[in-house]
PDB file of N, CA and C in Angstrom:
ATOM      1  N   UNK A   1      -8.889 -22.565  -7.602  1.00  0.00           N
ATOM      2  CA  UNK A   1     -10.115 -22.235  -6.934  1.00  0.00           C
ATOM      3  C   UNK A   1     -10.096 -20.789  -6.419  1.00  0.00           C
ATOM      4  N   UNK A   2      -8.899 -20.247  -6.134  1.00  0.00           N
ATOM      5  CA  UNK A   2      -8.772 -18.873  -5.670  1.00  0.00           C
ATOM      6  C   UNK A   2      -8.217 -18.061  -6.837  1.00  0.00           C
ATOM      7  N   UNK A   3      -8.959 -17.072  -7.331  1.00  0.00           N
ATOM      8  CA  UNK A   3      -8.513 -16.357  -8.524  1.00  0.00           C
ATOM      9  C   UNK A   3      -7.291 -15.463  -8.312  1.00  0.00           C
ATOM     10  N   UNK A   4      -7.137 -14.890  -7.112  1.00  0.00           N
ATOM     11  CA  UNK A   4      -6.003 -14.002  -6.833  1.00  0.00           C
ATOM     12  C   UNK A   4      -5.518 -14.263  -5.407  1.00  0.00           C
ATOM     13  N   UNK A   5      -4.197 -14.365  -5.269  1.00  0.00           N
ATOM     14  CA  UNK A   5      -3.578 -14.477  -3.955  1.00  0.00           C
ATOM     15  C   UNK A   5      -2.602 -13.322  -3.803  1.00  0.00           C
ATOM     16  N   UNK A   6      -2.695 -12.616  -2.677  1.00  0.00           N
ATOM     17  CA  UNK A   6      -1.791 -11.512  -2.389  1.00  0.00           C
ATOM     18  C   UNK A   6      -1.035 -11.849  -1.117  1.00  0.00           C
ATOM     19  N   UNK A   7       0.287 -11.647  -1.156  1.00  0.00           N
ATOM     20  CA  UNK A   7       1.133 -11.944  -0.008  1.00  0.00           C
ATOM     21  C   UNK A   7       1.951 -10.710   0.335  1.00  0.00           C
ATOM     22  N   UNK A   8       1.859 -10.275   1.600  1.00  0.00           N
ATOM     23  CA  UNK A   8       2.675  -9.161   2.084  1.00  0.00           C
ATOM     24  C   UNK A   8       4.027  -9.730   2.474  1.00  0.00           C
ATOM     25  N   UNK A   9       5.087  -9.041   2.068  1.00  0.00           N
ATOM     26  CA  UNK A   9       6.439  -9.521   2.303  1.00  0.00           C
ATOM     27  C   UNK A   9       7.249  -8.584   3.204  1.00  0.00           C
ATOM     28  N   UNK A  10       6.572  -7.777   3.995  1.00  0.00           N
ATOM     29  CA  UNK A  10       7.256  -6.866   4.915  1.00  0.00           C
ATOM     30  C   UNK A  10       8.160  -5.894   4.173  1.00  0.00           C
ATOM     31  N   UNK A  11       9.410  -5.819   4.609  1.00  0.00           N
ATOM     32  CA  UNK A  11      10.371  -4.887   4.005  1.00  0.00           C
ATOM     33  C   UNK A  11      10.694  -5.220   2.555  1.00  0.00           C
ATOM     34  N   UNK A  12      10.288  -6.385   2.097  1.00  0.00           N
ATOM     35  CA  UNK A  12      10.521  -6.798   0.708  1.00  0.00           C
ATOM     36  C   UNK A  12       9.387  -6.373  -0.228  1.00  0.00           C
ATOM     37  N   UNK A  13       8.294  -5.821   0.320  1.00  0.00           N
ATOM     38  CA  UNK A  13       7.185  -5.383  -0.516  1.00  0.00           C
ATOM     39  C   UNK A  13       6.017  -6.348  -0.475  1.00  0.00           C
ATOM     40  N   UNK A  14       5.512  -6.707  -1.640  1.00  0.00           N
ATOM     41  CA  UNK A  14       4.352  -7.591  -1.727  1.00  0.00           C
ATOM     42  C   UNK A  14       4.331  -8.256  -3.102  1.00  0.00           C
ATOM     43  N   UNK A  15       3.603  -9.353  -3.173  1.00  0.00           N
ATOM     44  CA  UNK A  15       3.428 -10.027  -4.459  1.00  0.00           C
ATOM     45  C   UNK A  15       2.004 -10.521  -4.574  1.00  0.00           C
ATOM     46  N   UNK A  16       1.574 -10.688  -5.818  1.00  0.00           N
ATOM     47  CA  UNK A  16       0.246 -11.232  -6.102  1.00  0.00           C
ATOM     48  C   UNK A  16       0.397 -12.266  -7.211  1.00  0.00           C
ATOM     49  N   UNK A  17      -0.477 -13.252  -7.182  1.00  0.00           N
ATOM     50  CA  UNK A  17      -0.482 -14.291  -8.207  1.00  0.00           C
ATOM     51  C   UNK A  17      -1.906 -14.471  -8.694  1.00  0.00           C
ATOM     52  N   UNK A  18      -2.062 -14.424 -10.011  1.00  0.00           N
ATOM     53  CA  UNK A  18      -3.350 -14.738 -10.645  1.00  0.00           C
ATOM     54  C   UNK A  18      -3.046 -15.711 -11.765  1.00  0.00           C
ATOM     55  N   UNK A  19      -3.525 -16.935 -11.594  1.00  0.00           N
ATOM     56  CA  UNK A  19      -3.196 -17.964 -12.579  1.00  0.00           C
ATOM     57  C   UNK A  19      -1.690 -18.152 -12.627  1.00  0.00           C
ATOM     58  N   UNK A  20      -1.135 -18.096 -13.820  1.00  0.00           N
ATOM     59  CA  UNK A  20       0.311 -18.235 -13.995  1.00  0.00           C
ATOM     60  C   UNK A  20       1.051 -16.913 -13.963  1.00  0.00           C
ATOM     61  N   UNK A  21       0.353 -15.819 -13.696  1.00  0.00           N
ATOM     62  CA  UNK A  21       0.982 -14.503 -13.698  1.00  0.00           C
ATOM     63  C   UNK A  21       1.300 -14.045 -12.280  1.00  0.00           C
ATOM     64  N   UNK A  22       2.552 -13.658 -12.056  1.00  0.00           N
ATOM     65  CA  UNK A  22       2.990 -13.171 -10.746  1.00  0.00           C
ATOM     66  C   UNK A  22       3.387 -11.701 -10.883  1.00  0.00           C
ATOM     67  N   UNK A  23       2.971 -10.917  -9.910  1.00  0.00           N
ATOM     68  CA  UNK A  23       3.255  -9.494  -9.866  1.00  0.00           C
ATOM     69  C   UNK A  23       3.985  -9.198  -8.559  1.00  0.00           C
ATOM     70  N   UNK A  24       5.009  -8.344  -8.619  1.00  0.00           N
ATOM     71  CA  UNK A  24       5.790  -8.001  -7.441  1.00  0.00           C
ATOM     72  C   UNK A  24       5.917  -6.492  -7.358  1.00  0.00           C
ATOM     73  N   UNK A  25       5.839  -5.961  -6.138  1.00  0.00           N
ATOM     74  CA  UNK A  25       6.015  -4.531  -5.908  1.00  0.00           C
ATOM     75  C   UNK A  25       6.948  -4.340  -4.727  1.00  0.00           C
ATOM     76  N   UNK A  26       7.975  -3.541  -4.912  1.00  0.00           N
ATOM     77  CA  UNK A  26       8.932  -3.261  -3.843  1.00  0.00           C
ATOM     78  C   UNK A  26       8.288  -2.425  -2.753  1.00  0.00           C
ATOM     79  N   UNK A  27       8.808  -2.574  -1.544  1.00  0.00           N
ATOM     80  CA  UNK A  27       8.334  -1.765  -0.425  1.00  0.00           C
ATOM     81  C   UNK A  27       8.737  -0.310  -0.647  1.00  0.00           C
ATOM     82  N   UNK A  28       7.950   0.593  -0.081  1.00  0.00           N
ATOM     83  CA  UNK A  28       8.268   2.018  -0.096  1.00  0.00           C
ATOM     84  C   UNK A  28       9.191   2.284   1.092  1.00  0.00           C
ATOM     85  N   UNK A  29      10.340   2.893   0.843  1.00  0.00           N
ATOM     86  CA  UNK A  29      11.321   3.128   1.890  1.00  0.00           C
ATOM     87  C   UNK A  29      10.986   4.391   2.670  1.00  0.00           C
ATOM     88  N   UNK A  30      10.877   4.255   3.985  1.00  0.00           N
ATOM     89  CA  UNK A  30      10.618   5.381   4.884  1.00  0.00           C
ATOM     90  C   UNK A  30      11.378   5.146   6.185  1.00  0.00           C
ATOM     91  N   UNK A  31      11.459   6.194   7.004  1.00  0.00           N
ATOM     92  CA  UNK A  31      11.984   6.046   8.355  1.00  0.00           C
ATOM     93  C   UNK A  31      10.831   5.567   9.229  1.00  0.00           C
ATOM     94  N   UNK A  32      10.909   4.328   9.679  1.00  0.00           N
ATOM     95  CA  UNK A  32       9.821   3.719  10.435  1.00  0.00           C
ATOM     96  C   UNK A  32       9.827   4.213  11.886  1.00  0.00           C
ATOM     97  N   UNK A  33       8.658   4.692  12.314  1.00  0.00           N
ATOM     98  CA  UNK A  33       8.449   5.097  13.704  1.00  0.00           C
ATOM     99  C   UNK A  33       7.752   3.967  14.462  1.00  0.00           C
ATOM    100  N   UNK A  34       6.743   3.366  13.852  1.00  0.00           N
ATOM    101  CA  UNK A  34       5.955   2.323  14.514  1.00  0.00           C
ATOM    102  C   UNK A  34       5.312   1.440  13.448  1.00  0.00           C
ATOM    103  N   UNK A  35       5.641   0.144  13.409  1.00  0.00           N
ATOM    104  CA  UNK A  35       5.084  -0.731  12.376  1.00  0.00           C
ATOM    105  C   UNK A  35       3.652  -1.201  12.643  1.00  0.00           C
ATOM    106  N   UNK A  36       3.102  -0.875  13.819  1.00  0.00           N
ATOM    107  CA  UNK A  36       1.740  -1.317  14.143  1.00  0.00           C
ATOM    108  C   UNK A  36       0.763  -0.754  13.109  1.00  0.00           C
ATOM    109  N   UNK A  37      -0.045  -1.601  12.554  1.00  0.00           N
ATOM    110  CA  UNK A  37      -1.062  -1.183  11.590  1.00  0.00           C
ATOM    111  C   UNK A  37      -0.623  -1.218  10.141  1.00  0.00           C
ATOM    112  N   UNK A  38       0.633  -1.525   9.879  1.00  0.00           N
ATOM    113  CA  UNK A  38       1.118  -1.520   8.495  1.00  0.00           C
ATOM    114  C   UNK A  38       0.398  -2.559   7.638  1.00  0.00           C
ATOM    115  N   UNK A  39       0.146  -3.730   8.192  1.00  0.00           N
ATOM    116  CA  UNK A  39      -0.548  -4.773   7.423  1.00  0.00           C
ATOM    117  C   UNK A  39      -1.967  -4.384   7.068  1.00  0.00           C
ATOM    118  N   UNK A  40      -2.692  -3.860   8.042  1.00  0.00           N
ATOM    119  CA  UNK A  40      -4.063  -3.407   7.773  1.00  0.00           C
ATOM    120  C   UNK A  40      -4.064  -2.251   6.783  1.00  0.00           C
ATOM    121  N   UNK A  41      -3.066  -1.363   6.900  1.00  0.00           N
ATOM    122  CA  UNK A  41      -2.982  -0.229   5.973  1.00  0.00           C
ATOM    123  C   UNK A  41      -2.669  -0.703   4.561  1.00  0.00           C
ATOM    124  N   UNK A  42      -1.815  -1.733   4.451  1.00  0.00           N
ATOM    125  CA  UNK A  42      -1.559  -2.325   3.138  1.00  0.00           C
ATOM    126  C   UNK A  42      -2.866  -2.830   2.539  1.00  0.00           C
ATOM    127  N   UNK A  43      -3.614  -3.585   3.334  1.00  0.00           N
ATOM    128  CA  UNK A  43      -4.884  -4.143   2.853  1.00  0.00           C
ATOM    129  C   UNK A  43      -5.807  -3.038   2.355  1.00  0.00           C
ATOM    130  N   UNK A  44      -5.911  -1.957   3.131  1.00  0.00           N
ATOM    131  CA  UNK A  44      -6.793  -0.845   2.762  1.00  0.00           C
ATOM    132  C   UNK A  44      -6.340  -0.188   1.459  1.00  0.00           C
ATOM    133  N   UNK A  45      -5.041   0.052   1.328  1.00  0.00           N
ATOM    134  CA  UNK A  45      -4.529   0.675   0.103  1.00  0.00           C
ATOM    135  C   UNK A  45      -4.703  -0.215  -1.113  1.00  0.00           C
ATOM    136  N   UNK A  46      -4.408  -1.509  -0.940  1.00  0.00           N
ATOM    137  CA  UNK A  46      -4.578  -2.463  -2.032  1.00  0.00           C
ATOM    138  C   UNK A  46      -6.037  -2.495  -2.479  1.00  0.00           C
ATOM    139  N   UNK A  47      -6.941  -2.663  -1.533  1.00  0.00           N
ATOM    140  CA  UNK A  47      -8.359  -2.759  -1.870  1.00  0.00           C
ATOM    141  C   UNK A  47      -8.907  -1.455  -2.446  1.00  0.00           C
ATOM    142  N   UNK A  48      -8.444  -0.326  -1.934  1.00  0.00           N
ATOM    143  CA  UNK A  48      -8.874   0.978  -2.462  1.00  0.00           C
ATOM    144  C   UNK A  48      -8.622   1.039  -3.971  1.00  0.00           C
ATOM    145  N   UNK A  49      -7.428   0.618  -4.372  1.00  0.00           N
ATOM    146  CA  UNK A  49      -7.063   0.657  -5.790  1.00  0.00           C
ATOM    147  C   UNK A  49      -7.761  -0.455  -6.574  1.00  0.00           C
ATOM    148  N   UNK A  50      -7.726  -1.672  -6.057  1.00  0.00           N
ATOM    149  CA  UNK A  50      -8.241  -2.837  -6.769  1.00  0.00           C
ATOM    150  C   UNK A  50      -9.745  -2.738  -7.016  1.00  0.00           C
ATOM    151  N   UNK A  51     -10.495  -2.316  -6.010  1.00  0.00           N
ATOM    152  CA  UNK A  51     -11.955  -2.230  -6.153  1.00  0.00           C
ATOM    153  C   UNK A  51     -12.398  -1.082  -7.048  1.00  0.00           C
ATOM    154  N   UNK A  52     -11.502  -0.179  -7.358  1.00  0.00           N
ATOM    155  CA  UNK A  52     -11.791   0.911  -8.297  1.00  0.00           C
ATOM    156  C   UNK A  52     -11.315   0.570  -9.711  1.00  0.00           C
ATOM    157  N   UNK A  53     -10.986  -0.716  -9.905  1.00  0.00           N
ATOM    158  CA  UNK A  53     -10.614  -1.179 -11.242  1.00  0.00           C
ATOM    159  C   UNK A  53      -9.126  -1.202 -11.513  1.00  0.00           C
ATOM    160  N   UNK A  54      -8.313  -0.969 -10.482  1.00  0.00           N
ATOM    161  CA  UNK A  54      -6.867  -1.001 -10.678  1.00  0.00           C
ATOM    162  C   UNK A  54      -6.372  -2.404 -10.984  1.00  0.00           C
ATOM    163  N   UNK A  55      -5.293  -2.485 -11.726  1.00  0.00           N
ATOM    164  CA  UNK A  55      -4.694  -3.789 -11.999  1.00  0.00           C
ATOM    165  C   UNK A  55      -3.906  -4.246 -10.765  1.00  0.00           C
ATOM    166  N   UNK A  56      -3.430  -5.463 -10.794  1.00  0.00           N
ATOM    167  CA  UNK A  56      -2.735  -5.995  -9.626  1.00  0.00           C
ATOM    168  C   UNK A  56      -1.451  -5.231  -9.318  1.00  0.00           C
ATOM    169  N   UNK A  57      -0.727  -4.809 -10.324  1.00  0.00           N
ATOM    170  CA  UNK A  57       0.530  -4.092 -10.087  1.00  0.00           C
ATOM    171  C   UNK A  57       0.281  -2.768  -9.369  1.00  0.00           C
ATOM    172  N   UNK A  58      -0.660  -1.980  -9.860  1.00  0.00           N
ATOM    173  CA  UNK A  58      -0.926  -0.688  -9.210  1.00  0.00           C
ATOM    174  C   UNK A  58      -1.570  -0.882  -7.835  1.00  0.00           C
ATOM    175  N   UNK A  59      -2.317  -1.943  -7.666  1.00  0.00           N
ATOM    176  CA  UNK A  59      -2.933  -2.227  -6.374  1.00  0.00           C
ATOM    177  C   UNK A  59      -1.880  -2.619  -5.334  1.00  0.00           C
ATOM    178  N   UNK A  60      -0.895  -3.413  -5.742  1.00  0.00           N
ATOM    179  CA  UNK A  60       0.209  -3.740  -4.844  1.00  0.00           C
ATOM    180  C   UNK A  60       0.975  -2.484  -4.445  1.00  0.00           C
ATOM    181  N   UNK A  61       1.230  -1.634  -5.417  1.00  0.00           N
ATOM    182  CA  UNK A  61       1.946  -0.386  -5.143  1.00  0.00           C
ATOM    183  C   UNK A  61       1.164   0.478  -4.163  1.00  0.00           C
ATOM    184  N   UNK A  62      -0.129   0.612  -4.370  1.00  0.00           N
ATOM    185  CA  UNK A  62      -0.958   1.396  -3.463  1.00  0.00           C
ATOM    186  C   UNK A  62      -0.909   0.814  -2.054  1.00  0.00           C
ATOM    187  N   UNK A  63      -0.954  -0.491  -1.945  1.00  0.00           N
ATOM    188  CA  UNK A  63      -0.851  -1.133  -0.638  1.00  0.00           C
ATOM    189  C   UNK A  63       0.480  -0.846   0.032  1.00  0.00           C
ATOM    190  N   UNK A  64       1.562  -0.927  -0.720  1.00  0.00           N
ATOM    191  CA  UNK A  64       2.884  -0.662  -0.152  1.00  0.00           C
ATOM    192  C   UNK A  64       3.029   0.786   0.303  1.00  0.00           C
ATOM    193  N   UNK A  65       2.492   1.707  -0.467  1.00  0.00           N
ATOM    194  CA  UNK A  65       2.589   3.129  -0.094  1.00  0.00           C
ATOM    195  C   UNK A  65       1.780   3.419   1.171  1.00  0.00           C
ATOM    196  N   UNK A  66       0.569   2.894   1.263  1.00  0.00           N
ATOM    197  CA  UNK A  66      -0.233   3.159   2.455  1.00  0.00           C
ATOM    198  C   UNK A  66       0.339   2.447   3.680  1.00  0.00           C
ATOM    199  N   UNK A  67       0.933   1.282   3.504  1.00  0.00           N
ATOM    200  CA  UNK A  67       1.604   0.616   4.622  1.00  0.00           C
ATOM    201  C   UNK A  67       2.774   1.454   5.107  1.00  0.00           C
ATOM    202  N   UNK A  68       3.547   1.985   4.169  1.00  0.00           N
ATOM    203  CA  UNK A  68       4.682   2.841   4.538  1.00  0.00           C
ATOM    204  C   UNK A  68       4.210   4.089   5.273  1.00  0.00           C
ATOM    205  N   UNK A  69       3.158   4.720   4.767  1.00  0.00           N
ATOM    206  CA  UNK A  69       2.607   5.904   5.427  1.00  0.00           C
ATOM    207  C   UNK A  69       2.242   5.581   6.868  1.00  0.00           C
ATOM    208  N   UNK A  70       1.604   4.469   7.078  1.00  0.00           N
ATOM    209  CA  UNK A  70       1.172   4.068   8.414  1.00  0.00           C
ATOM    210  C   UNK A  70       2.332   4.005   9.400  1.00  0.00           C
ATOM    211  N   UNK A  71       3.499   3.585   8.937  1.00  0.00           N
ATOM    212  CA  UNK A  71       4.638   3.400   9.840  1.00  0.00           C
ATOM    213  C   UNK A  71       5.355   4.692  10.205  1.00  0.00           C
ATOM    214  N   UNK A  72       5.005   5.800   9.577  1.00  0.00           N
ATOM    215  CA  UNK A  72       5.743   7.045   9.815  1.00  0.00           C
ATOM    216  C   UNK A  72       5.313   7.794  11.066  1.00  0.00           C
ATOM    217  N   UNK A  73       4.243   7.347  11.694  1.00  0.00           N
ATOM    218  CA  UNK A  73       3.787   7.936  12.959  1.00  0.00           C
ATOM    219  C   UNK A  73       3.383   6.805  13.895  1.00  0.00           C
ATOM    220  N   UNK A  74       3.451   7.071  15.179  1.00  0.00           N
ATOM    221  CA  UNK A  74       3.112   6.054  16.180  1.00  0.00           C
ATOM    222  C   UNK A  74       1.602   5.811  16.212  1.00  0.00           C
ATOM    223  N   UNK A  75       1.211   4.587  16.521  1.00  0.00           N
ATOM    224  CA  UNK A  75      -0.183   4.293  16.804  1.00  0.00           C
ATOM    225  C   UNK A  75      -0.994   3.646  15.710  1.00  0.00           C
ATOM    226  N   UNK A  76      -0.431   3.363  14.587  1.00  0.00           N
ATOM    227  CA  UNK A  76      -1.159   2.619  13.562  1.00  0.00           C
ATOM    228  C   UNK A  76      -2.015   3.435  12.618  1.00  0.00           C
ATOM    229  N   UNK A  77      -2.697   4.470  13.126  1.00  0.00           N
ATOM    230  CA  UNK A  77      -3.562   5.266  12.240  1.00  0.00           C
ATOM    231  C   UNK A  77      -3.244   6.763  12.286  1.00  0.00           C
ATOM    232  N   UNK A  78      -2.317   7.168  13.127  1.00  0.00           N
ATOM    233  CA  UNK A  78      -2.049   8.601  13.308  1.00  0.00           C
ATOM    234  C   UNK A  78      -1.594   9.294  12.025  1.00  0.00           C
ATOM    235  N   UNK A  79      -0.844   8.604  11.192  1.00  0.00           N
ATOM    236  CA  UNK A  79      -0.366   9.212   9.944  1.00  0.00           C
ATOM    237  C   UNK A  79      -1.518   9.549   9.005  1.00  0.00           C
ATOM    238  N   UNK A  80      -2.638   8.872   9.139  1.00  0.00           N
ATOM    239  CA  UNK A  80      -3.792   9.112   8.269  1.00  0.00           C
ATOM    240  C   UNK A  80      -4.682  10.238   8.791  1.00  0.00           C
ATOM    241  N   UNK A  81      -4.593  10.539  10.074  1.00  0.00           N
ATOM    242  CA  UNK A  81      -5.474  11.542  10.687  1.00  0.00           C
ATOM    243  C   UNK A  81      -5.152  12.970  10.251  1.00  0.00           C
ATOM    244  N   UNK A  82      -3.882  13.252  10.030  1.00  0.00           N
ATOM    245  CA  UNK A  82      -3.439  14.580   9.618  1.00  0.00           C
ATOM    246  C   UNK A  82      -3.537  14.649   8.091  1.00  0.00           C
ATOM    247  N   UNK A  83      -4.607  15.229   7.596  1.00  0.00           N
ATOM    248  CA  UNK A  83      -4.863  15.194   6.148  1.00  0.00           C
ATOM    249  C   UNK A  83      -3.779  15.901   5.343  1.00  0.00           C
ATOM    250  N   UNK A  84      -3.217  16.971   5.865  1.00  0.00           N
ATOM    251  CA  UNK A  84      -2.153  17.667   5.140  1.00  0.00           C
ATOM    252  C   UNK A  84      -0.915  16.777   5.019  1.00  0.00           C
ATOM    253  N   UNK A  85      -0.541  16.158   6.125  1.00  0.00           N
ATOM    254  CA  UNK A  85       0.600  15.242   6.129  1.00  0.00           C
ATOM    255  C   UNK A  85       0.348  14.060   5.193  1.00  0.00           C
ATOM    256  N   UNK A  86      -0.832  13.462   5.314  1.00  0.00           N
ATOM    257  CA  UNK A  86      -1.190  12.295   4.498  1.00  0.00           C
ATOM    258  C   UNK A  86      -1.154  12.635   3.012  1.00  0.00           C
ATOM    259  N   UNK A  87      -1.784  13.743   2.643  1.00  0.00           N
ATOM    260  CA  UNK A  87      -1.845  14.116   1.231  1.00  0.00           C
ATOM    261  C   UNK A  87      -0.461  14.424   0.675  1.00  0.00           C
ATOM    262  N   UNK A  88       0.379  15.087   1.481  1.00  0.00           N
ATOM    263  CA  UNK A  88       1.744  15.392   1.038  1.00  0.00           C
ATOM    264  C   UNK A  88       2.536  14.094   0.850  1.00  0.00           C
ATOM    265  N   UNK A  89       2.395  13.161   1.791  1.00  0.00           N
ATOM    266  CA  UNK A  89       3.099  11.881   1.681  1.00  0.00           C
ATOM    267  C   UNK A  89       2.666  11.141   0.410  1.00  0.00           C
ATOM    268  N   UNK A  90       1.373  11.046   0.196  1.00  0.00           N
ATOM    269  CA  UNK A  90       0.871  10.322  -0.978  1.00  0.00           C
ATOM    270  C   UNK A  90       1.301  11.006  -2.266  1.00  0.00           C
ATOM    271  N   UNK A  91       1.328  12.334  -2.273  1.00  0.00           N
ATOM    272  CA  UNK A  91       1.779  13.065  -3.465  1.00  0.00           C
ATOM    273  C   UNK A  91       3.268  12.807  -3.711  1.00  0.00           C
ATOM    274  N   UNK A  92       4.062  12.810  -2.636  1.00  0.00           N
ATOM    275  CA  UNK A  92       5.508  12.576  -2.766  1.00  0.00           C
ATOM    276  C   UNK A  92       5.837  11.144  -3.166  1.00  0.00           C
ATOM    277  N   UNK A  93       4.949  10.236  -2.879  1.00  0.00           N
ATOM    278  CA  UNK A  93       5.161   8.825  -3.217  1.00  0.00           C
ATOM    279  C   UNK A  93       4.184   8.382  -4.311  1.00  0.00           C
ATOM    280  N   UNK A  94       3.793   9.317  -5.105  1.00  0.00           N
ATOM    281  CA  UNK A  94       2.820   9.083  -6.172  1.00  0.00           C
ATOM    282  C   UNK A  94       3.390   8.128  -7.216  1.00  0.00           C
ATOM    283  N   UNK A  95       2.562   7.234  -7.638  1.00  0.00           N
ATOM    284  CA  UNK A  95       2.893   6.323  -8.726  1.00  0.00           C
ATOM    285  C   UNK A  95       1.890   6.598  -9.845  1.00  0.00           C
ATOM    286  N   UNK A  96       2.345   6.604 -11.077  1.00  0.00           N
ATOM    287  CA  UNK A  96       1.499   6.995 -12.211  1.00  0.00           C
ATOM    288  C   UNK A  96       0.203   6.216 -12.318  1.00  0.00           C
ATOM    289  N   UNK A  97       0.188   4.958 -11.932  1.00  0.00           N
ATOM    290  CA  UNK A  97      -0.997   4.136 -12.157  1.00  0.00           C
ATOM    291  C   UNK A  97      -1.900   4.037 -10.923  1.00  0.00           C
ATOM    292  N   UNK A  98      -1.518   4.713  -9.827  1.00  0.00           N
ATOM    293  CA  UNK A  98      -2.300   4.648  -8.594  1.00  0.00           C
ATOM    294  C   UNK A  98      -3.205   5.874  -8.508  1.00  0.00           C
ATOM    295  N   UNK A  99      -4.475   5.644  -8.255  1.00  0.00           N
ATOM    296  CA  UNK A  99      -5.457   6.731  -8.107  1.00  0.00           C
ATOM    297  C   UNK A  99      -5.858   6.807  -6.646  1.00  0.00           C
ATOM    298  N   UNK A 100      -5.629   7.967  -6.001  1.00  0.00           N
ATOM    299  CA  UNK A 100      -5.867   8.080  -4.567  1.00  0.00           C
ATOM    300  C   UNK A 100      -7.247   8.596  -4.203  1.00  0.00           C
ATOM    301  N   UNK A 101      -7.898   9.394  -5.041  1.00  0.00           N
ATOM    302  CA  UNK A 101      -9.218   9.957  -4.698  1.00  0.00           C
ATOM    303  C   UNK A 101      -9.213  10.609  -3.323  1.00  0.00           C
ATOM    304  N   UNK A 102      -8.360  11.592  -3.134  1.00  0.00           N
ATOM    305  CA  UNK A 102      -8.242  12.235  -1.827  1.00  0.00           C
ATOM    306  C   UNK A 102      -9.385  13.154  -1.564  1.00  0.00           C
TER     307      UNK A 102
END
């Protein structure tokens, strides 16, 4: 009845299931300053990619990267406010199949 299920696995990354197909993406390793907002940031990154036509694998990766970015500064959204920092982080953690539209 549910076509896609996505599960966040914290430091283990994330997984998605569609029918009999399971997709897994490892977490992006960073020095964590504050984990507040990582889940919401994952959701935003996943949806950003998925709603633009990304497949489940690239969408999971996008979610993991944005969750990791969120944890690198205190306060949940501070890492996203500094556009130079954000763009550099996303470029350094670029994955071939992820489209950021910065």
